[in-house]
Amino acid sequence: MSEHRRPEIRFTDAERGRCRWCGETIAHETGPKKGQTNRRRRWHPACLEIYDASDPREARSRVRKRDRTVCAACRLDTNALRREVRGRGR
């Protein structure tokens, strides 16, 4: 499975309330059940962030958001270039 772009999920058969990425227990953060296992959740927020970043579409989106469509190497405004090539209506 090394030819896949996304990393393999390590704990696919993890029981409810355990993170599918790191395998640790997910606890309720607030409310009357604070500290108890949250059986509705499957991912820690930090683990989900790491896994989502490996998706090519999400990675492109994050780079666009970070660079604001301006190339760091040549300072070309790629959004303006895209509008020029595709036309303003698209």
N, C-alpha and C. Protein backbone atom coordinates (compact mmCIF):
# COMPACT_ATOMS: atom_id res chain seq x y z
N MET A 1 0.80 -1.20 0.00
CA MET A 1 0.00 0.00 0.00
C MET A 1 0.85 1.26 0.00
N SER A 2 2.10 1.16 -0.31
CA SER A 2 2.98 2.33 -0.26
C SER A 2 2.73 3.30 -1.41
N GLU A 3 1.99 2.88 -2.44
CA GLU A 3 1.75 3.80 -3.55
C GLU A 3 0.58 4.75 -3.29
N HIS A 4 -0.12 4.62 -2.16
CA HIS A 4 -1.21 5.54 -1.82
C HIS A 4 -0.65 6.89 -1.41
N ARG A 5 -1.38 7.94 -1.72
CA ARG A 5 -0.94 9.29 -1.35
C ARG A 5 -1.17 9.59 0.12
N ARG A 6 -2.21 9.03 0.67
CA ARG A 6 -2.52 9.28 2.08
C ARG A 6 -1.95 8.16 2.93
N PRO A 7 -1.51 8.50 4.14
CA PRO A 7 -0.99 7.45 5.02
C PRO A 7 -2.09 6.49 5.44
N GLU A 8 -1.71 5.29 5.72
CA GLU A 8 -2.66 4.27 6.12
C GLU A 8 -3.15 4.56 7.54
N ILE A 9 -4.44 4.39 7.78
CA ILE A 9 -4.98 4.58 9.13
C ILE A 9 -4.54 3.40 9.97
N ARG A 10 -3.89 3.68 11.08
CA ARG A 10 -3.27 2.62 11.88
C ARG A 10 -4.27 1.76 12.64
N PHE A 11 -5.29 2.39 13.20
CA PHE A 11 -6.22 1.68 14.07
C PHE A 11 -7.62 1.67 13.46
N THR A 12 -7.77 1.02 12.31
CA THR A 12 -9.06 1.02 11.62
C THR A 12 -10.12 0.26 12.40
N ASP A 13 -9.71 -0.72 13.16
CA ASP A 13 -10.68 -1.51 13.92
C ASP A 13 -10.73 -1.10 15.39
N ALA A 14 -10.33 0.14 15.68
CA ALA A 14 -10.35 0.62 17.06
C ALA A 14 -11.78 0.68 17.57
N GLU A 15 -11.94 0.33 18.83
CA GLU A 15 -13.28 0.38 19.43
C GLU A 15 -13.75 1.82 19.55
N ARG A 16 -15.04 2.00 19.74
CA ARG A 16 -15.60 3.35 19.86
C ARG A 16 -14.95 4.06 21.05
N GLY A 17 -14.65 5.34 20.84
CA GLY A 17 -14.03 6.13 21.89
C GLY A 17 -12.51 6.11 21.85
N ARG A 18 -11.95 5.41 20.87
CA ARG A 18 -10.49 5.39 20.69
C ARG A 18 -10.16 6.02 19.35
N CYS A 19 -9.09 6.79 19.33
CA CYS A 19 -8.66 7.49 18.12
C CYS A 19 -8.19 6.49 17.06
N ARG A 20 -8.62 6.69 15.83
CA ARG A 20 -8.21 5.80 14.74
C ARG A 20 -6.78 6.05 14.31
N TRP A 21 -6.19 7.18 14.70
CA TRP A 21 -4.83 7.51 14.29
C TRP A 21 -3.81 7.09 15.34
N CYS A 22 -4.02 7.50 16.60
CA CYS A 22 -3.02 7.22 17.64
C CYS A 22 -3.43 6.07 18.56
N GLY A 23 -4.72 5.69 18.56
CA GLY A 23 -5.18 4.57 19.36
C GLY A 23 -5.49 4.90 20.81
N GLU A 24 -5.34 6.17 21.21
CA GLU A 24 -5.59 6.55 22.60
C GLU A 24 -7.06 6.87 22.82
N THR A 25 -7.48 6.83 24.08
CA THR A 25 -8.86 7.10 24.45
C THR A 25 -9.20 8.57 24.22
N ILE A 26 -10.41 8.81 23.73
CA ILE A 26 -10.90 10.18 23.52
C ILE A 26 -11.87 10.47 24.65
N ALA A 27 -11.58 11.51 25.43
CA ALA A 27 -12.41 11.85 26.58
C ALA A 27 -13.29 13.06 26.28
N HIS A 28 -14.44 13.12 26.98
CA HIS A 28 -15.29 14.32 26.92
C HIS A 28 -14.50 15.48 27.51
N GLU A 29 -14.56 16.64 26.87
CA GLU A 29 -13.80 17.79 27.34
C GLU A 29 -14.61 18.69 28.26
N THR A 30 -15.92 18.70 28.11
CA THR A 30 -16.78 19.55 28.93
C THR A 30 -18.05 18.80 29.30
N GLY A 31 -18.85 19.41 30.15
CA GLY A 31 -20.15 18.86 30.50
C GLY A 31 -20.09 17.89 31.66
N PRO A 32 -21.23 17.25 31.93
CA PRO A 32 -21.30 16.36 33.09
C PRO A 32 -20.45 15.09 32.94
N LYS A 33 -20.12 14.72 31.72
CA LYS A 33 -19.31 13.52 31.49
C LYS A 33 -17.83 13.83 31.31
N LYS A 34 -17.40 15.02 31.71
CA LYS A 34 -16.02 15.45 31.52
C LYS A 34 -15.05 14.40 32.07
N GLY A 35 -14.09 14.00 31.22
CA GLY A 35 -13.10 13.02 31.61
C GLY A 35 -13.46 11.59 31.25
N GLN A 36 -14.74 11.31 31.00
CA GLN A 36 -15.16 9.97 30.63
C GLN A 36 -14.94 9.76 29.13
N THR A 37 -14.89 8.51 28.71
CA THR A 37 -14.69 8.18 27.30
C THR A 37 -15.85 8.68 26.45
N ASN A 38 -15.52 9.37 25.38
CA ASN A 38 -16.51 9.86 24.43
C ASN A 38 -16.64 8.83 23.31
N ARG A 39 -17.67 7.99 23.39
CA ARG A 39 -17.81 6.89 22.45
C ARG A 39 -18.33 7.32 21.08
N ARG A 40 -18.71 8.59 20.93
CA ARG A 40 -19.19 9.08 19.63
C ARG A 40 -18.05 9.55 18.73
N ARG A 41 -16.92 9.85 19.30
CA ARG A 41 -15.80 10.40 18.52
C ARG A 41 -14.88 9.28 18.06
N ARG A 42 -14.26 9.48 16.90
CA ARG A 42 -13.33 8.50 16.35
C ARG A 42 -11.92 9.06 16.17
N TRP A 43 -11.76 10.39 16.28
CA TRP A 43 -10.47 11.03 16.05
C TRP A 43 -10.21 12.11 17.10
N HIS A 44 -8.97 12.24 17.56
CA HIS A 44 -8.56 13.43 18.31
C HIS A 44 -8.49 14.58 17.30
N PRO A 45 -8.83 15.79 17.68
CA PRO A 45 -8.75 16.91 16.73
C PRO A 45 -7.36 17.08 16.13
N ALA A 46 -6.30 16.92 16.93
CA ALA A 46 -4.93 17.07 16.41
C ALA A 46 -4.59 15.96 15.42
N CYS A 47 -5.03 14.74 15.70
CA CYS A 47 -4.76 13.62 14.79
C CYS A 47 -5.50 13.80 13.47
N LEU A 48 -6.73 14.28 13.55
CA LEU A 48 -7.52 14.52 12.34
C LEU A 48 -6.86 15.60 11.49
N GLU A 49 -6.32 16.62 12.14
CA GLU A 49 -5.63 17.71 11.43
C GLU A 49 -4.43 17.16 10.65
N ILE A 50 -3.66 16.29 11.27
CA ILE A 50 -2.49 15.69 10.62
C ILE A 50 -2.92 14.83 9.44
N TYR A 51 -3.94 14.00 9.64
CA TYR A 51 -4.40 13.12 8.57
C TYR A 51 -4.99 13.91 7.41
N ASP A 52 -5.79 14.92 7.70
CA ASP A 52 -6.39 15.74 6.65
C ASP A 52 -5.35 16.48 5.83
N ALA A 53 -4.25 16.89 6.45
CA ALA A 53 -3.20 17.62 5.75
C ALA A 53 -2.53 16.75 4.68
N SER A 54 -2.67 15.42 4.79
CA SER A 54 -2.05 14.54 3.80
C SER A 54 -2.89 14.40 2.53
N ASP A 55 -4.11 14.89 2.54
CA ASP A 55 -4.97 14.85 1.36
C ASP A 55 -4.49 15.91 0.37
N PRO A 56 -4.22 15.55 -0.89
CA PRO A 56 -3.69 16.53 -1.85
C PRO A 56 -4.57 17.76 -2.02
N ARG A 57 -5.87 17.59 -2.05
CA ARG A 57 -6.77 18.75 -2.21
C ARG A 57 -6.66 19.68 -0.99
N GLU A 58 -6.64 19.09 0.19
CA GLU A 58 -6.53 19.88 1.42
C GLU A 58 -5.17 20.58 1.50
N ALA A 59 -4.10 19.88 1.06
CA ALA A 59 -2.77 20.49 1.07
C ALA A 59 -2.72 21.70 0.14
N ARG A 60 -3.30 21.58 -1.06
CA ARG A 60 -3.34 22.73 -1.98
C ARG A 60 -4.13 23.88 -1.38
N SER A 61 -5.25 23.56 -0.75
CA SER A 61 -6.07 24.59 -0.13
C SER A 61 -5.31 25.32 0.98
N ARG A 62 -4.57 24.58 1.77
CA ARG A 62 -3.79 25.19 2.85
C ARG A 62 -2.66 26.06 2.32
N VAL A 63 -2.03 25.63 1.24
CA VAL A 63 -0.96 26.45 0.64
C VAL A 63 -1.55 27.73 0.06
N ARG A 64 -2.70 27.63 -0.61
CA ARG A 64 -3.36 28.84 -1.14
C ARG A 64 -3.71 29.81 -0.02
N LYS A 65 -4.23 29.26 1.05
CA LYS A 65 -4.62 30.11 2.18
C LYS A 65 -3.39 30.76 2.82
N ARG A 66 -2.31 30.00 2.95
CA ARG A 66 -1.08 30.51 3.56
C ARG A 66 -0.43 31.58 2.70
N ASP A 67 -0.30 31.31 1.41
CA ASP A 67 0.43 32.22 0.51
C ASP A 67 -0.46 33.28 -0.10
N ARG A 68 -1.76 33.17 0.07
CA ARG A 68 -2.72 34.11 -0.51
C ARG A 68 -2.54 34.23 -2.01
N THR A 69 -2.34 33.11 -2.66
CA THR A 69 -2.19 32.94 -4.11
C THR A 69 -1.01 33.67 -4.72
N VAL A 70 -0.02 34.06 -3.91
CA VAL A 70 1.18 34.71 -4.42
C VAL A 70 2.35 33.74 -4.27
N CYS A 71 3.05 33.46 -5.37
CA CYS A 71 4.19 32.55 -5.37
C CYS A 71 5.31 33.11 -4.49
N ALA A 72 5.82 32.28 -3.58
CA ALA A 72 6.88 32.72 -2.68
C ALA A 72 8.20 32.90 -3.42
N ALA A 73 8.42 32.15 -4.48
CA ALA A 73 9.69 32.23 -5.20
C ALA A 73 9.77 33.43 -6.14
N CYS A 74 8.73 33.66 -6.94
CA CYS A 74 8.81 34.72 -7.96
C CYS A 74 7.83 35.87 -7.73
N ARG A 75 7.01 35.78 -6.66
CA ARG A 75 6.03 36.81 -6.31
C ARG A 75 4.94 37.01 -7.37
N LEU A 76 4.68 36.00 -8.18
CA LEU A 76 3.63 36.06 -9.19
C LEU A 76 2.28 35.84 -8.52
N ASP A 77 1.31 36.69 -8.82
CA ASP A 77 -0.04 36.53 -8.29
C ASP A 77 -0.76 35.49 -9.15
N THR A 78 -0.83 34.27 -8.64
CA THR A 78 -1.39 33.18 -9.43
C THR A 78 -2.90 33.30 -9.60
N ASN A 79 -3.57 33.95 -8.68
CA ASN A 79 -5.02 34.15 -8.82
C ASN A 79 -5.31 35.08 -9.99
N ALA A 80 -4.53 36.15 -10.13
CA ALA A 80 -4.70 37.07 -11.26
C ALA A 80 -4.39 36.35 -12.57
N LEU A 81 -3.35 35.53 -12.57
CA LEU A 81 -2.99 34.78 -13.77
C LEU A 81 -4.11 33.80 -14.14
N ARG A 82 -4.69 33.13 -13.16
CA ARG A 82 -5.78 32.20 -13.43
C ARG A 82 -6.98 32.92 -14.02
N ARG A 83 -7.32 34.09 -13.49
CA ARG A 83 -8.44 34.87 -14.03
C ARG A 83 -8.15 35.28 -15.47
N GLU A 84 -6.90 35.62 -15.76
CA GLU A 84 -6.51 36.02 -17.11
C GLU A 84 -6.67 34.86 -18.09
N VAL A 85 -6.21 33.68 -17.68
CA VAL A 85 -6.23 32.51 -18.55
C VAL A 85 -7.66 31.99 -18.73
N ARG A 86 -8.41 31.88 -17.66
CA ARG A 86 -9.76 31.31 -17.72
C ARG A 86 -10.83 32.33 -18.07
N GLY A 87 -10.55 33.57 -17.87
CA GLY A 87 -11.56 34.60 -18.08
C GLY A 87 -12.17 35.00 -16.75
N ARG A 88 -12.69 36.15 -16.67
CA ARG A 88 -13.21 36.67 -15.40
C ARG A 88 -14.51 36.02 -14.95
N GLY A 89 -15.26 35.49 -15.89
CA GLY A 89 -16.56 34.91 -15.55
C GLY A 89 -16.49 33.55 -14.89
N ARG A 90 -15.36 32.93 -14.83
CA ARG A 90 -15.25 31.57 -14.29
C ARG A 90 -14.59 31.52 -12.98
